[in-house]
Amino acid sequence: MPDLNSILAVILGGGRGARLWPLTQLRSKPAVPIAGKYRLIDIPISNCINSGIYRIAVLTQFNSVSLHRHITQTYYFDNFHTGWVQILAAEQTLSSEDWYQGTADAVRKQLFEIRASGAKDILILAGDHLYRMDYAALVQFHWDKRADITVAVQPVSRRDAHRFGILKRDEDCRIIDFKEKPKGRAELADLVSRDEKERPFLASMGIYVFKYEALYHFLTAYPDFDDFGSHVIPAAIKTHAVYGYDFDGYWQDIGTIRSFYDTNLELTQPNSPFNFYDPQRPIYTNARVLPGSIVEDSLLKNVLLAEGCRIQSAEIVNSVVGVRSQIQAGTRIRNSVIMGADYYDRPDRRGEVPLGIGPKCDIEGAILDKNVRLGKGVIVRPFPEGTNIPEGMDASALWVVRDGIVVIPKDTYIPAGTVIAPESVNAQSMA
C-alpha cells in the first residue's frame, strides 16, 4: 500500500478573481485576508500539514506577488524534514505562451514538474475555500477503492445546486452521472442522491485525488479539456473508476464578496461554525512579531480581534478587526470587516490622515481593506442587497458596492465628513 510520501498536493491559485473584486484588485484570491490575521491559502496548506502531506505545490498566475511573499515567509521546513511548499508560477515556454485557461489547463502546464516529483497520486485543491479536512482519510478511501479518480463530495440543497457540479453515485460510491452547474428542474431530477428533503444532492467540492497515470492521460490525450468540473470528470466517469468521498463538515466557498462578508461575520459569533482554535488541527499563518492589542474605554461585543491593534473609546459589534488596526475615539462599527494594516504609521508623517479609522466615524455593513485611511466623521451604511456600484470594475473608485456591501479598497483615503449611504448617493451617477 502506498504511503503519504507518495502524494503531491497541488493547490490552484485561481485566476482574476472578478467576483471578489476589489479585494483582488492588488492580490490573488488565495492571498485575500480572512478572520483578521490569516489568508485563504493558509487553509489548504494547513490541512495538508495536519494530514501528514508535506509536498505541496501552489500554482499561481494573477497578482501573485503578495501570495508568493506570504508563502515564502510562512511555510519553510528545516533541513531534517523532507517536506516543501513550492510555487509554480504561470510561464511562457517553447510549447505554450498562454496563461492558464482553467483548472485542468493549469495542471497540464505544470505536468513536467508534477512528473519530476515522482508522485503516484496527485491531490488537487482550491485555494479559496474555508474548511478543515483530513486528506489522509480521503487518500485512504481512494486507495481502498482502487480508484483512478476520487472526488470529495458534500450534500447541498436544491437552492444551492446550480452553483456546483452535481453527481450521482451507485451503492459502491462510484460516480455514474455528473453535471457541472445544472440548471432547471429537469436536469436536477435525475441527480437526486439522498433521501433527505433539505439536502437531496451531492456536490463536488473541487477536491480531487488522481492516479498520476489517469491525470496524465486526460491532460495529454484531450488538450481541449481546460477544466476538471466541466470537462475531465464528466468524461472520466465513462471510461475510468471515479468515486465520490463523503465529507459533511463545515465547508464554504469564498468566491464572492457576499460569501466573504457573511463568512467573516459568522466567525465573530460565540458558536461559530468554524473553529480556528482546534488544538489538534490548527490553521497556520505568518508568525508576526506584534504587541498585544490595546482596548481603551470601549464596548466590544462579538468581535474577532487580531493582535497589534489600538482601539480608543469605540463601540464595535459583530465585526472582525484585523492586525494593526487603529480605531480612534468616538467611532462606532457594526457588522463590518476591518482588515487592518500591513505596517504602522511613522510618527514623522505630520499633516497626513493617520492610518486606520479616524475619530467619530460610523461604519456599518462594510469591508475595509488593508491600509485604509478614514478622516474624521466618515459615515458608511449598507445598500439594499443586490446593489452593485459601479456595475463594472473601476480601479480608480474610492469605494464600491458589491451585493449591497460597501467595500473600500486597499490603500484608499476617504476624506473627513464623507457619507457613503443609499440616501446620500445618486446610484445612477456612480454607475
Protein backbone atom coordinates (compact mmCIF):
# COMPACT_ATOMS: atom_id res chain seq x y z
CA MET A 1 0.00 0.00 0.00
CA PRO A 2 1.42 3.46 -0.87
CA ASP A 3 2.16 5.95 1.91
CA LEU A 4 1.50 9.67 2.17
CA ASN A 5 5.02 10.47 0.95
CA SER A 6 3.86 9.36 -2.49
CA ILE A 7 1.24 12.17 -2.56
CA LEU A 8 1.80 15.55 -4.18
CA ALA A 9 -0.71 18.25 -3.24
CA VAL A 10 -1.38 20.81 -5.97
CA ILE A 11 -3.19 23.96 -4.86
CA LEU A 12 -4.78 26.07 -7.60
CA GLY A 13 -4.06 29.76 -7.12
CA GLY A 14 -7.02 30.97 -9.17
CA GLY A 15 -7.49 33.49 -11.97
CA ARG A 16 -8.52 37.15 -11.92
CA GLY A 17 -10.98 36.68 -9.05
CA ALA A 18 -13.52 39.07 -10.61
CA ARG A 19 -16.30 38.03 -8.22
CA LEU A 20 -14.12 39.06 -5.24
CA TRP A 21 -13.12 42.40 -6.77
CA PRO A 22 -11.96 44.88 -5.42
CA LEU A 23 -10.35 42.64 -2.77
CA THR A 24 -8.49 41.05 -5.71
CA GLN A 25 -7.53 44.36 -7.29
CA LEU A 26 -3.97 44.06 -5.91
CA ARG A 27 -3.79 40.39 -4.88
CA SER A 28 -4.84 36.90 -5.98
CA LYS A 29 -7.83 35.16 -4.41
CA PRO A 30 -5.81 32.85 -2.13
CA ALA A 31 -3.95 35.89 -0.74
CA VAL A 32 -7.16 37.59 0.45
CA PRO A 33 -7.07 38.03 4.25
CA ILE A 34 -9.67 36.26 6.37
CA ALA A 35 -10.52 36.16 10.08
CA GLY A 36 -8.31 39.13 10.93
CA LYS A 37 -4.87 37.51 10.58
CA TYR A 38 -4.98 34.61 8.09
CA ARG A 39 -5.05 34.36 4.31
CA LEU A 40 -7.22 31.94 2.32
CA ILE A 41 -4.16 29.98 1.14
CA ASP A 42 -3.45 29.08 4.79
CA ILE A 43 -6.48 26.77 4.82
CA PRO A 44 -5.44 24.11 2.24
CA ILE A 45 -1.75 24.28 3.23
CA SER A 46 -2.63 23.79 6.91
CA ASN A 47 -4.96 20.91 6.03
CA CYS A 48 -2.09 19.27 4.12
CA ILE A 49 0.36 19.65 7.01
CA ASN A 50 -2.20 18.38 9.55
CA SER A 51 -2.90 15.39 7.28
CA GLY A 52 0.77 14.39 7.00
CA ILE A 53 1.12 15.55 3.38
CA TYR A 54 4.27 17.64 3.19
CA ARG A 55 4.93 18.00 -0.54
CA ILE A 56 2.83 20.93 -1.71
CA ALA A 57 2.89 22.88 -4.98
CA VAL A 58 0.94 26.13 -5.35
CA LEU A 59 0.05 27.13 -8.93
CA THR A 60 -0.07 30.91 -9.23
CA GLN A 61 -0.81 33.29 -12.06
CA PHE A 62 -2.64 36.57 -11.40
CA ASN A 63 -1.50 39.34 -8.98
CA SER A 64 0.67 36.77 -7.24
CA VAL A 65 3.39 38.87 -5.55
CA SER A 66 1.72 39.11 -2.13
CA LEU A 67 0.81 35.42 -2.27
CA HIS A 68 4.41 34.47 -3.06
CA ARG A 69 5.66 36.69 -0.23
CA HIS A 70 3.25 35.18 2.29
CA ILE A 71 4.11 31.59 1.35
CA THR A 72 7.87 32.12 1.42
CA GLN A 73 7.71 33.94 4.78
CA THR A 74 5.40 31.38 6.38
CA TYR A 75 5.97 27.84 5.08
CA TYR A 76 9.51 26.54 5.26
CA PHE A 77 10.73 23.28 6.76
CA ASP A 78 14.04 22.61 8.49
CA ASN A 79 16.93 20.64 6.99
CA PHE A 80 15.81 17.45 8.69
CA HIS A 81 12.36 17.44 7.08
CA THR A 82 11.61 16.17 3.57
CA GLY A 83 8.66 18.49 3.00
CA TRP A 84 8.36 21.69 0.99
CA VAL A 85 5.87 24.25 -0.29
CA GLN A 86 6.83 25.14 -3.85
CA ILE A 87 5.43 27.93 -6.03
CA LEU A 88 4.81 27.03 -9.68
CA ALA A 89 4.05 30.28 -11.49
CA ALA A 90 2.50 30.53 -14.93
CA GLU A 91 5.24 30.98 -17.50
CA GLN A 92 5.87 31.12 -21.21
CA THR A 93 7.59 28.02 -22.63
CA LEU A 94 8.51 26.67 -26.04
CA SER A 95 5.33 24.58 -26.01
CA SER A 96 2.95 27.28 -24.74
CA GLU A 97 2.82 31.05 -24.43
CA ASP A 98 -0.69 31.14 -22.91
CA TRP A 99 -1.84 31.81 -19.38
CA TYR A 100 -3.72 29.08 -17.53
CA GLN A 101 -7.08 28.62 -19.25
CA GLY A 102 -8.81 26.73 -16.43
CA THR A 103 -8.20 24.37 -13.51
CA ALA A 104 -7.17 21.39 -15.65
CA ASP A 105 -5.11 23.53 -18.03
CA ALA A 106 -3.18 24.99 -15.09
CA VAL A 107 -2.16 21.48 -14.01
CA ARG A 108 -1.44 20.49 -17.63
CA LYS A 109 1.07 23.33 -17.98
CA GLN A 110 2.92 22.06 -14.90
CA LEU A 111 2.90 18.35 -15.79
CA PHE A 112 6.69 18.32 -16.18
CA GLU A 113 7.17 19.49 -12.57
CA ILE A 114 4.49 17.13 -11.31
CA ARG A 115 6.10 14.17 -13.07
CA ALA A 116 9.52 15.19 -11.72
CA SER A 117 8.18 14.87 -8.16
CA GLY A 118 7.70 11.13 -8.67
CA ALA A 119 4.27 11.27 -7.01
CA LYS A 120 1.98 8.30 -7.60
CA ASP A 121 -1.19 10.20 -6.66
CA ILE A 122 -1.98 13.90 -7.08
CA LEU A 123 -4.23 15.71 -4.59
CA ILE A 124 -5.76 18.76 -6.30
CA LEU A 125 -7.15 21.55 -4.11
CA ALA A 126 -8.67 25.00 -4.46
CA GLY A 127 -7.10 27.99 -2.76
CA ASP A 128 -10.27 29.91 -1.83
CA HIS A 129 -12.31 27.62 0.45
CA LEU A 130 -12.73 27.60 4.26
CA TYR A 131 -12.92 24.11 5.79
CA ARG A 132 -10.95 21.57 7.80
CA MET A 133 -10.45 18.13 6.24
CA ASP A 134 -8.26 15.13 6.92
CA TYR A 135 -6.86 14.50 3.45
CA ALA A 136 -5.25 11.28 4.69
CA ALA A 137 -8.73 9.75 5.09
CA LEU A 138 -9.66 10.92 1.59
CA VAL A 139 -6.49 9.36 0.14
CA GLN A 140 -7.06 6.11 2.05
CA PHE A 141 -10.58 5.90 0.57
CA HIS A 142 -9.03 6.46 -2.87
CA TRP A 143 -6.59 3.58 -2.32
CA ASP A 144 -9.19 1.25 -0.79
CA LYS A 145 -11.48 1.68 -3.81
CA ARG A 146 -8.54 1.32 -6.23
CA ALA A 147 -9.93 4.44 -7.84
CA ASP A 148 -8.45 6.25 -10.80
CA ILE A 149 -10.05 9.48 -9.60
CA THR A 150 -11.73 10.37 -6.32
CA VAL A 151 -13.91 13.45 -5.86
CA ALA A 152 -14.72 14.87 -2.40
CA VAL A 153 -18.49 15.46 -2.23
CA GLN A 154 -20.84 17.24 0.13
CA PRO A 155 -24.66 17.31 0.47
CA VAL A 156 -26.28 20.52 -0.82
CA SER A 157 -29.80 21.92 -1.06
CA ARG A 158 -31.83 22.40 -4.22
CA ARG A 159 -31.38 26.16 -3.82
CA ASP A 160 -27.56 25.85 -3.97
CA ALA A 161 -27.29 23.03 -6.53
CA HIS A 162 -26.86 25.36 -9.54
CA ARG A 163 -23.57 26.66 -8.05
CA PHE A 164 -21.77 23.29 -8.10
CA GLY A 165 -21.02 20.19 -10.08
CA ILE A 166 -23.76 17.74 -9.07
CA LEU A 167 -23.16 14.00 -9.22
CA LYS A 168 -24.90 10.69 -8.66
CA ARG A 169 -23.29 7.53 -7.23
CA ASP A 170 -24.07 3.83 -7.14
CA GLU A 171 -24.15 1.74 -3.96
CA ASP A 172 -20.37 1.35 -4.00
CA CYS A 173 -19.85 5.16 -4.14
CA ARG A 174 -18.80 5.03 -7.79
CA ILE A 175 -19.91 8.13 -9.70
CA ILE A 176 -22.27 7.24 -12.53
CA ASP A 177 -23.51 10.69 -13.57
CA PHE A 178 -22.14 14.23 -13.32
CA LYS A 179 -23.45 17.63 -14.41
CA GLU A 180 -21.49 20.86 -13.95
CA LYS A 181 -23.77 23.58 -12.53
CA PRO A 182 -27.06 22.07 -13.75
CA LYS A 183 -29.91 24.44 -14.48
CA GLY A 184 -33.60 23.68 -14.32
CA ARG A 185 -35.64 21.04 -12.56
CA ALA A 186 -35.39 18.54 -15.42
CA GLU A 187 -31.60 18.23 -15.15
CA LEU A 188 -31.72 18.07 -11.36
CA ALA A 189 -34.50 15.48 -11.25
CA ASP A 190 -32.14 12.71 -12.38
CA LEU A 191 -29.41 13.68 -9.92
CA VAL A 192 -31.15 13.23 -6.57
CA SER A 193 -28.81 11.11 -4.46
CA ARG A 194 -30.09 11.40 -0.91
CA ASP A 195 -33.42 10.67 0.73
CA GLU A 196 -33.35 13.98 2.58
CA LYS A 197 -35.63 16.91 1.86
CA GLU A 198 -33.22 19.67 2.90
CA ARG A 199 -30.10 18.47 1.02
CA PRO A 200 -31.02 15.87 -1.61
CA PHE A 201 -27.98 16.40 -3.88
CA LEU A 202 -24.27 15.62 -3.74
CA ALA A 203 -21.94 18.37 -4.95
CA SER A 204 -18.30 18.23 -5.95
CA MET A 205 -16.13 20.28 -3.59
CA GLY A 206 -13.45 20.84 -6.22
CA ILE A 207 -11.14 18.50 -4.30
CA TYR A 208 -9.74 15.60 -6.33
CA VAL A 209 -7.29 12.72 -5.98
CA PHE A 210 -5.90 11.42 -9.30
CA LYS A 211 -3.71 8.47 -10.01
CA TYR A 212 -0.85 10.10 -11.87
CA GLU A 213 -1.45 7.88 -14.92
CA ALA A 214 -5.11 8.95 -15.12
CA LEU A 215 -4.21 12.61 -14.73
CA TYR A 216 -1.54 12.37 -17.43
CA HIS A 217 -3.94 10.59 -19.78
CA PHE A 218 -6.73 13.18 -19.61
CA LEU A 219 -4.45 16.21 -19.76
CA THR A 220 -2.40 14.98 -22.73
CA ALA A 221 -4.93 12.96 -24.76
CA TYR A 222 -7.53 15.76 -24.54
CA PRO A 223 -5.73 19.11 -24.95
CA ASP A 224 -9.06 20.95 -25.15
CA PHE A 225 -10.06 19.79 -21.63
CA ASP A 226 -9.41 23.02 -19.70
CA ASP A 227 -11.50 22.44 -16.56
CA PHE A 228 -11.84 19.49 -14.20
CA GLY A 229 -15.53 20.01 -13.41
CA SER A 230 -16.71 20.89 -16.91
CA HIS A 231 -14.52 18.54 -18.96
CA VAL A 232 -12.38 15.95 -17.17
CA ILE A 233 -14.77 14.46 -14.61
CA PRO A 234 -17.79 14.06 -16.99
CA ALA A 235 -15.54 12.26 -19.49
CA ALA A 236 -13.72 10.17 -16.89
CA ILE A 237 -16.83 8.55 -15.41
CA LYS A 238 -17.45 6.86 -18.79
CA THR A 239 -14.05 5.14 -19.00
CA HIS A 240 -12.38 5.17 -15.57
CA ALA A 241 -13.14 4.27 -11.97
CA VAL A 242 -14.29 7.56 -10.44
CA TYR A 243 -15.54 7.55 -6.83
CA GLY A 244 -17.15 10.09 -4.52
CA TYR A 245 -15.80 10.54 -0.97
CA ASP A 246 -18.31 11.84 1.60
CA PHE A 247 -17.50 14.97 3.59
CA ASP A 248 -20.22 16.55 5.71
CA GLY A 249 -18.24 19.04 7.78
CA TYR A 250 -18.18 22.81 7.50
CA TRP A 251 -17.14 23.98 4.03
CA GLN A 252 -17.54 27.42 2.50
CA ASP A 253 -16.57 28.60 -0.96
CA ILE A 254 -15.23 32.16 -0.52
CA GLY A 255 -15.94 33.08 -4.13
CA THR A 256 -17.94 36.31 -3.87
CA ILE A 257 -17.94 39.48 -1.78
CA ARG A 258 -21.21 38.36 -0.15
CA SER A 259 -19.84 34.94 0.86
CA PHE A 260 -16.59 36.55 2.09
CA TYR A 261 -18.53 39.06 4.20
CA ASP A 262 -21.04 36.57 5.63
CA THR A 263 -18.35 34.00 6.46
CA ASN A 264 -16.21 36.54 8.30
CA LEU A 265 -19.17 37.74 10.35
CA GLU A 266 -20.07 34.14 11.23
CA LEU A 267 -16.59 33.80 12.75
CA THR A 268 -17.36 36.57 15.26
CA GLN A 269 -20.23 34.66 16.85
CA PRO A 270 -19.89 32.69 20.11
CA ASN A 271 -20.88 29.43 18.39
CA SER A 272 -19.02 29.99 15.15
CA PRO A 273 -19.43 27.07 12.69
CA PHE A 274 -15.67 27.07 12.03
CA ASN A 275 -13.14 26.90 14.85
CA PHE A 276 -9.67 28.35 14.28
CA TYR A 277 -8.70 27.22 17.79
CA ASP A 278 -8.62 23.44 17.19
CA PRO A 279 -5.53 22.26 19.15
CA GLN A 280 -5.14 19.07 17.09
CA ARG A 281 -5.53 20.63 13.63
CA PRO A 282 -4.58 24.31 13.83
CA ILE A 283 -4.63 26.73 10.91
CA TYR A 284 -1.12 28.11 10.40
CA THR A 285 -0.13 31.54 9.15
CA ASN A 286 2.73 34.03 9.21
CA ALA A 287 4.02 34.34 12.79
CA ARG A 288 4.12 38.12 13.10
CA VAL A 289 6.01 39.76 15.95
CA LEU A 290 3.32 42.16 17.17
CA PRO A 291 2.34 43.52 20.58
CA GLY A 292 -0.93 42.64 22.24
CA SER A 293 -3.92 44.78 21.29
CA ILE A 294 -4.82 47.78 23.47
CA VAL A 295 -8.50 48.50 24.11
CA GLU A 296 -9.22 51.78 25.93
CA ASP A 297 -12.62 52.54 27.44
CA SER A 298 -14.52 50.74 24.65
CA LEU A 299 -17.51 48.47 24.18
CA LEU A 300 -16.81 45.30 22.17
CA LYS A 301 -19.47 42.65 21.56
CA ASN A 302 -18.91 39.61 19.32
CA VAL A 303 -15.63 40.94 17.94
CA LEU A 304 -12.85 38.87 16.38
CA LEU A 305 -9.84 40.97 17.38
CA ALA A 306 -6.35 40.32 16.00
CA GLU A 307 -3.06 41.39 17.56
CA GLY A 308 -1.25 44.71 17.31
CA CYS A 309 -4.40 46.89 17.42
CA ARG A 310 -5.28 50.05 19.34
CA ILE A 311 -8.93 50.89 19.97
CA GLN A 312 -9.80 54.15 21.75
CA SER A 313 -13.25 54.83 23.22
CA ALA A 314 -15.09 53.00 20.44
CA GLU A 315 -18.15 50.78 20.12
CA ILE A 316 -17.66 47.67 17.97
CA VAL A 317 -20.31 44.96 17.46
CA ASN A 318 -20.37 41.81 15.27
CA SER A 319 -17.17 42.71 13.45
CA VAL A 320 -13.69 41.48 12.53
CA VAL A 321 -10.79 43.76 13.46
CA GLY A 322 -7.61 42.73 11.68
CA VAL A 323 -3.93 43.08 12.57
CA ARG A 324 -2.54 46.57 13.38
CA SER A 325 -5.98 48.21 13.21
CA GLN A 326 -6.06 51.75 14.61
CA ILE A 327 -9.53 52.95 15.64
CA GLN A 328 -9.86 56.41 17.17
CA ALA A 329 -12.21 57.80 19.81
CA GLY A 330 -15.94 58.13 19.30
CA THR A 331 -16.11 55.65 16.39
CA ARG A 332 -18.93 53.13 16.03
CA ILE A 333 -18.53 49.93 13.93
CA ARG A 334 -21.22 47.32 13.32
CA ASN A 335 -21.40 44.24 11.08
CA SER A 336 -18.15 45.07 9.31
CA VAL A 337 -14.82 43.54 8.34
CA ILE A 338 -11.81 45.73 9.13
CA MET A 339 -8.72 44.10 7.63
CA GLY A 340 -6.18 46.28 9.44
CA ALA A 341 -2.80 47.28 8.06
CA ASP A 342 0.48 45.92 6.73
CA TYR A 343 2.55 48.40 8.75
CA TYR A 344 2.38 51.11 11.41
CA ASP A 345 2.47 54.79 10.50
CA ARG A 346 5.78 56.57 11.04
CA PRO A 347 5.47 59.25 13.74
CA ASP A 348 7.00 61.90 11.45
CA ARG A 349 4.13 61.82 8.93
CA ARG A 350 2.59 65.06 10.14
CA GLY A 351 -0.26 66.63 8.23
CA GLU A 352 -1.49 63.31 6.81
CA VAL A 353 -4.62 61.44 7.84
CA PRO A 354 -3.38 58.67 10.15
CA LEU A 355 -3.57 55.05 9.08
CA GLY A 356 -6.83 53.47 10.22
CA ILE A 357 -10.26 54.78 11.17
CA GLY A 358 -10.41 58.38 12.37
CA PRO A 359 -12.47 59.82 15.25
CA LYS A 360 -16.28 59.87 15.31
CA CYS A 361 -16.74 57.62 12.29
CA ASP A 362 -19.86 55.48 11.93
CA ILE A 363 -19.31 52.28 9.91
CA GLU A 364 -21.93 49.61 9.23
CA GLY A 365 -22.19 46.79 6.66
CA ALA A 366 -18.76 47.40 5.16
CA ILE A 367 -15.43 45.80 4.27
CA LEU A 368 -12.37 48.00 4.78
CA ASP A 369 -9.33 46.53 3.05
CA LYS A 370 -5.80 46.97 4.41
CA ASN A 371 -4.07 50.33 4.88
CA VAL A 372 -7.28 52.33 4.56
CA ARG A 373 -7.33 55.89 5.96
CA LEU A 374 -10.67 57.34 7.04
CA GLY A 375 -10.87 61.01 8.03
CA LYS A 376 -12.94 62.33 10.92
CA GLY A 377 -16.68 61.68 10.84
CA VAL A 378 -16.88 59.36 7.84
CA ILE A 379 -20.25 57.57 7.64
CA VAL A 380 -20.74 54.26 5.81
CA ARG A 381 -24.05 52.42 5.51
CA PRO A 382 -25.03 49.21 3.66
CA PHE A 383 -27.08 49.38 0.47
CA PRO A 384 -30.04 47.14 -0.45
CA GLU A 385 -28.86 43.59 -1.12
CA GLY A 386 -28.15 43.12 -4.81
CA THR A 387 -26.90 46.69 -5.34
CA ASN A 388 -23.66 46.99 -7.33
CA ILE A 389 -22.00 50.41 -7.79
CA PRO A 390 -20.39 50.72 -10.27
CA GLU A 391 -21.62 47.81 -12.35
CA GLY A 392 -18.15 47.04 -13.74
CA MET A 393 -14.65 47.15 -12.27
CA ASP A 394 -13.15 50.62 -11.86
CA ALA A 395 -9.68 50.63 -10.33
CA SER A 396 -9.93 54.37 -9.61
CA ALA A 397 -13.02 54.09 -7.40
CA LEU A 398 -12.55 55.20 -3.76
CA TRP A 399 -15.34 52.84 -2.75
CA VAL A 400 -17.63 50.33 -4.42
CA VAL A 401 -20.80 48.47 -3.52
CA ARG A 402 -20.97 44.74 -4.16
CA ASP A 403 -24.25 42.95 -3.41
CA GLY A 404 -25.19 45.77 -1.04
CA ILE A 405 -21.89 45.71 0.88
CA VAL A 406 -19.68 48.81 0.78
CA VAL A 407 -16.05 47.87 0.05
CA ILE A 408 -13.22 50.37 0.48
CA PRO A 409 -10.19 49.10 -1.48
CA LYS A 410 -6.67 48.71 -0.15
CA ASP A 411 -4.58 51.89 0.43
CA THR A 412 -7.59 54.18 -0.06
CA TYR A 413 -8.05 57.55 1.68
CA ILE A 414 -11.61 58.70 2.38
CA PRO A 415 -11.80 62.44 3.26
CA ALA A 416 -13.31 63.67 6.52
CA GLY A 417 -17.08 64.05 6.56
CA THR A 418 -17.68 61.70 3.60
CA VAL A 419 -21.08 59.97 3.67
CA ILE A 420 -21.47 56.67 1.79
CA ALA A 421 -25.10 55.63 2.17
CA PRO A 422 -28.14 54.90 -0.05
CA GLU A 423 -29.93 58.10 0.94
CA SER A 424 -26.96 60.33 0.11
CA VAL A 425 -25.65 58.76 -3.08
CA ASN A 426 -27.07 59.13 -6.59
CA ALA A 427 -26.58 55.50 -7.66
CA GLN A 428 -27.21 56.36 -11.30
CA SER A 429 -24.37 58.90 -11.44
CA MET A 430 -21.96 56.45 -9.79
CA ALA A 431 -22.68 53.58 -12.18
